[in-house]
Structure formats: structure tokens, C-alpha cells
């Protein structure tokens, strides 16, 4: 894996457009994500995703929820959003991540290396939200949050050409 580079705001929209273009708490305990619904390597091969392999839409929804988390955390840091709202966005990321993994799995593309993202993100978010809200506190946790999200984006980007090939579209240059 390459070295970490701070994602630019356009990173999320460019990744979403790549896929779409190609397929025309009141406490930290409130951050819960059900791993019972997270696919395992075995279920990745056997479950039919609800979207039947709609990778562009699944990736778009995931990227939008990632952007929403960043905005929600900014709002939390200045007292404009509750921990519960952050938790809701976190759960949405988990749901959208599952949909994305299942959409890729429909095309027999494995994304199991990102199954740890919800747990890693939860750990950092719980630590952040346990502190008093302030932009300085958020600034202390943003590098770890962005590192996790960057790994997620990197994994998605690494599978773009594989997905394009599976649907009969060659790689973009």
C-alpha cells in the first residue's frame, strides 16, 4: 500500500463519478453497528445482494455517507450535532459498506480487506465523542478517521478495473 495522502474533497465525488460514469449518542455506547449483518467470506459467496450488483449506486451511497460523516463530525465539534446524529451516520456507513461489498461480490470481486472498517471507525469515533466537543478535539482525531476512510477509498479504487472488466467495459485511461 502507498503512503497516506490527505484526500481532497473532490476525491469522494471523483470516485463516485468514476463508477457512475462507467455504468450509465447520548453516550459512546450509542455507536452500534450490527456485525450480524456484516458479510463473512462464506456469505459473500452465497448471498445475493439486494441491488443485484449495482456497484455504481452502492459506491455512490457509501461515498455520500462518508462525506456526511465528515460534515456531521464538524457540526458535532461546534455543538450543532448530537452524538446520536453521529451514530446514525456511522450506522448508515456500515449499511452502505455492506451494500457495496455485496454489489462487488455479485460480480465475484472480493472486498474482504475492508470488513474491519466499521470496527476501526467505531473505535476512533467512540474515543472522539467521549471527549468534550470542540474543533481542537476533532482535529486530534481527524487524521485517524481520514486514514481509515482513505484505506476504504483505496480498496474501492483498486477494484474499479476489475469491476469494469466483469461488466464488459474495459479500464478507463
Protein backbone atom coordinates (compact mmCIF):
# COMPACT_ATOMS: atom_id res chain seq x y z
CA UNK A 1 0.00 0.00 0.00
CA UNK A 2 1.21 3.53 -0.76
CA UNK A 3 1.86 6.28 1.70
CA UNK A 4 -1.03 8.17 3.21
CA UNK A 5 -2.04 11.35 1.44
CA UNK A 6 -4.78 13.60 2.73
CA UNK A 7 -7.84 13.02 0.48
CA UNK A 8 -9.07 16.14 -1.20
CA UNK A 9 -12.78 16.98 -1.10
CA UNK A 10 -13.01 16.02 -4.77
CA UNK A 11 -11.68 12.50 -4.06
CA UNK A 12 -15.10 11.29 -2.98
CA UNK A 13 -17.00 12.82 -5.89
CA UNK A 14 -14.43 11.68 -8.46
CA UNK A 15 -14.57 8.11 -7.17
CA UNK A 16 -18.37 8.17 -7.31
CA UNK A 17 -18.39 9.66 -10.81
CA UNK A 18 -15.89 7.02 -11.97
CA UNK A 19 -18.31 4.25 -11.10
CA UNK A 20 -21.49 6.02 -12.21
CA UNK A 21 -19.92 7.23 -15.42
CA UNK A 22 -18.89 3.70 -16.27
CA UNK A 23 -22.37 2.19 -15.79
CA UNK A 24 -24.61 4.90 -17.03
CA UNK A 25 -25.17 9.35 21.19
CA UNK A 26 -26.07 10.35 24.10
CA UNK A 27 -23.06 8.28 25.05
CA UNK A 28 -20.37 6.44 23.18
CA UNK A 29 -22.40 3.28 23.67
CA UNK A 30 -24.78 4.69 21.05
CA UNK A 31 -22.27 3.89 18.31
CA UNK A 32 -23.52 0.45 17.49
CA UNK A 33 -23.23 -1.49 14.31
CA UNK A 34 -24.56 -4.97 13.94
CA UNK A 35 -21.89 -7.35 12.79
CA UNK A 36 -24.59 -9.99 12.50
CA UNK A 37 -25.46 -8.39 9.15
CA UNK A 38 -21.87 -7.92 8.02
CA UNK A 39 -20.97 -10.45 5.35
CA UNK A 40 -18.34 -13.05 6.08
CA UNK A 41 -16.15 -14.56 3.35
CA UNK A 42 -18.57 -17.50 3.19
CA UNK A 43 -21.72 -15.38 2.93
CA UNK A 44 -20.07 -13.12 0.37
CA UNK A 45 -20.10 -16.08 -1.99
CA UNK A 46 -23.63 -17.22 -1.22
CA UNK A 47 -25.75 -14.12 -0.58
CA UNK A 48 -27.49 -12.35 -3.41
CA UNK A 49 -27.16 -8.60 -2.90
CA UNK A 50 -30.40 -6.66 -2.90
CA UNK A 51 -29.08 -4.41 -5.64
CA UNK A 52 -28.05 -7.35 -7.81
CA UNK A 53 -24.59 -5.96 -8.39
CA UNK A 54 -25.35 -2.26 -8.77
CA UNK A 55 -21.80 -1.21 -7.94
CA UNK A 56 -22.09 2.43 -9.09
CA UNK A 57 -25.11 3.12 -6.89
CA UNK A 58 -23.67 1.25 -3.90
CA UNK A 59 -20.35 3.12 -4.13
CA UNK A 60 -22.14 6.44 -4.59
CA UNK A 61 -24.24 5.86 -1.46
CA UNK A 62 -21.18 4.81 0.54
CA UNK A 63 -19.19 7.87 -0.54
CA UNK A 64 -22.11 10.17 0.26
CA UNK A 65 -22.38 8.70 3.75
CA UNK A 66 -18.61 9.14 4.24
CA UNK A 67 -18.92 12.80 3.27
CA UNK A 68 -21.93 13.09 5.58
CA UNK A 69 -19.88 11.71 8.48
CA UNK A 70 -17.18 14.29 7.96
CA UNK A 71 -19.74 17.11 7.91
CA UNK A 72 -21.60 15.69 10.90
CA UNK A 73 -18.37 15.50 12.90
CA UNK A 74 -17.63 19.12 12.04
CA UNK A 75 -21.12 20.04 13.25
CA UNK A 76 -20.61 18.00 16.43
CA UNK A 77 -17.35 19.80 17.14
CA UNK A 78 -19.14 23.15 17.25
CA UNK A 79 -22.21 21.90 19.13
CA UNK A 80 -24.56 21.74 16.13
CA UNK A 81 -24.98 17.95 16.04
CA UNK A 82 -25.52 15.40 18.78
CA UNK A 83 -23.61 12.19 19.38
CA UNK A 84 -26.81 10.42 18.31
CA UNK A 85 -26.65 12.06 14.90
CA UNK A 86 -23.02 10.99 14.50
CA UNK A 87 -24.07 7.48 15.50
CA UNK A 88 -26.86 7.46 12.90
CA UNK A 89 -24.41 8.45 10.16
CA UNK A 90 -21.95 5.79 11.35
CA UNK A 91 -24.67 3.13 11.08
CA UNK A 92 -25.53 4.40 7.58
CA UNK A 93 -21.88 3.98 6.58
CA UNK A 94 -21.98 0.38 7.83
CA UNK A 95 -25.17 -0.33 5.90
CA UNK A 96 -23.78 1.26 2.73
CA UNK A 97 -20.50 -0.58 3.16
CA UNK A 98 -22.36 -3.89 3.33
CA UNK A 99 -24.32 -2.99 0.19
CA UNK A 100 -21.08 -2.11 -1.59
CA UNK A 101 -19.37 -5.34 -0.54
CA UNK A 102 -22.40 -7.34 -1.68
CA UNK A 103 -22.60 -5.48 -5.00
CA UNK A 104 -18.94 -6.27 -5.71
CA UNK A 105 -19.45 -9.86 -4.52
CA UNK A 106 -22.25 -10.22 -7.08
CA UNK A 107 -19.51 -9.74 -9.69
CA UNK A 108 -17.23 -12.16 -7.77
CA UNK A 109 -14.95 -9.37 -6.59
CA UNK A 110 -13.68 -9.75 -3.04
CA UNK A 111 -13.52 -6.75 -0.71
CA UNK A 112 -12.94 -8.67 2.49
CA UNK A 113 -9.96 -6.47 3.40
CA UNK A 114 -12.35 -3.64 4.25
CA UNK A 115 -14.56 -5.67 6.58
CA UNK A 116 -12.64 -4.18 9.52
CA UNK A 117 -13.52 -0.59 8.57
CA UNK A 118 -16.68 -0.32 10.74
CA UNK A 119 -14.90 -1.62 13.84
CA UNK A 120 -11.85 0.61 13.32
CA UNK A 121 -14.03 3.63 12.64
CA UNK A 122 -16.19 2.91 15.67
CA UNK A 123 -13.15 2.76 17.95
CA UNK A 124 -11.89 6.17 16.83
CA UNK A 125 -15.36 7.74 16.89
CA UNK A 126 -16.04 6.48 20.40
CA UNK A 127 -12.76 7.95 21.62
CA UNK A 128 -13.50 11.26 19.93
CA UNK A 129 -17.09 11.52 21.17
CA UNK A 130 -16.03 10.63 24.71
CA UNK A 131 -14.28 13.99 24.89
CA UNK A 132 -15.88 17.41 25.11
CA UNK A 133 -16.92 18.70 21.73
CA UNK A 134 -14.56 21.22 20.19
CA UNK A 135 -12.83 21.79 16.88
CA UNK A 136 -9.48 21.08 18.60
CA UNK A 137 -10.67 17.68 19.82
CA UNK A 138 -11.95 16.81 16.35
CA UNK A 139 -8.67 17.96 14.79
CA UNK A 140 -6.86 15.48 17.03
CA UNK A 141 -8.95 12.56 15.73
CA UNK A 142 -9.38 13.54 12.07
CA UNK A 143 -6.05 12.06 10.93
CA UNK A 144 -7.04 8.60 12.24
CA UNK A 145 -10.55 8.89 10.80
CA UNK A 146 -9.21 10.01 7.43
CA UNK A 147 -6.64 7.21 7.41
CA UNK A 148 -9.42 4.62 7.80
CA UNK A 149 -11.54 6.28 5.13
CA UNK A 150 -8.55 6.62 2.82
CA UNK A 151 -7.92 2.86 3.08
CA UNK A 152 -11.56 2.29 2.20
CA UNK A 153 -11.32 4.53 -0.86
CA UNK A 154 -8.06 2.91 -1.89
CA UNK A 155 -9.66 -0.56 -1.78
CA UNK A 156 -12.60 0.61 -3.88
CA UNK A 157 -10.32 2.29 -6.38
CA UNK A 158 -8.17 -0.82 -6.63
CA UNK A 159 -11.24 -2.81 -7.74
CA UNK A 160 -12.51 -0.39 -10.39
CA UNK A 161 -10.84 -2.01 -13.39
CA UNK A 162 -11.75 -5.49 -12.14
CA UNK A 163 -15.41 -4.43 -11.91
CA UNK A 164 -15.32 -2.73 -15.31
CA UNK A 165 -13.92 -5.91 -16.84
CA UNK A 166 -16.61 -8.03 -15.20
CA UNK A 167 -19.35 -5.93 -16.78
CA UNK A 168 -17.60 -5.77 -20.14
CA UNK A 169 -16.36 -2.19 -20.06
CA UNK A 170 -12.56 -2.01 -20.27
CA UNK A 171 -10.41 0.12 -17.98
CA UNK A 172 -10.55 3.90 -18.12
CA UNK A 173 -7.37 5.64 -19.15
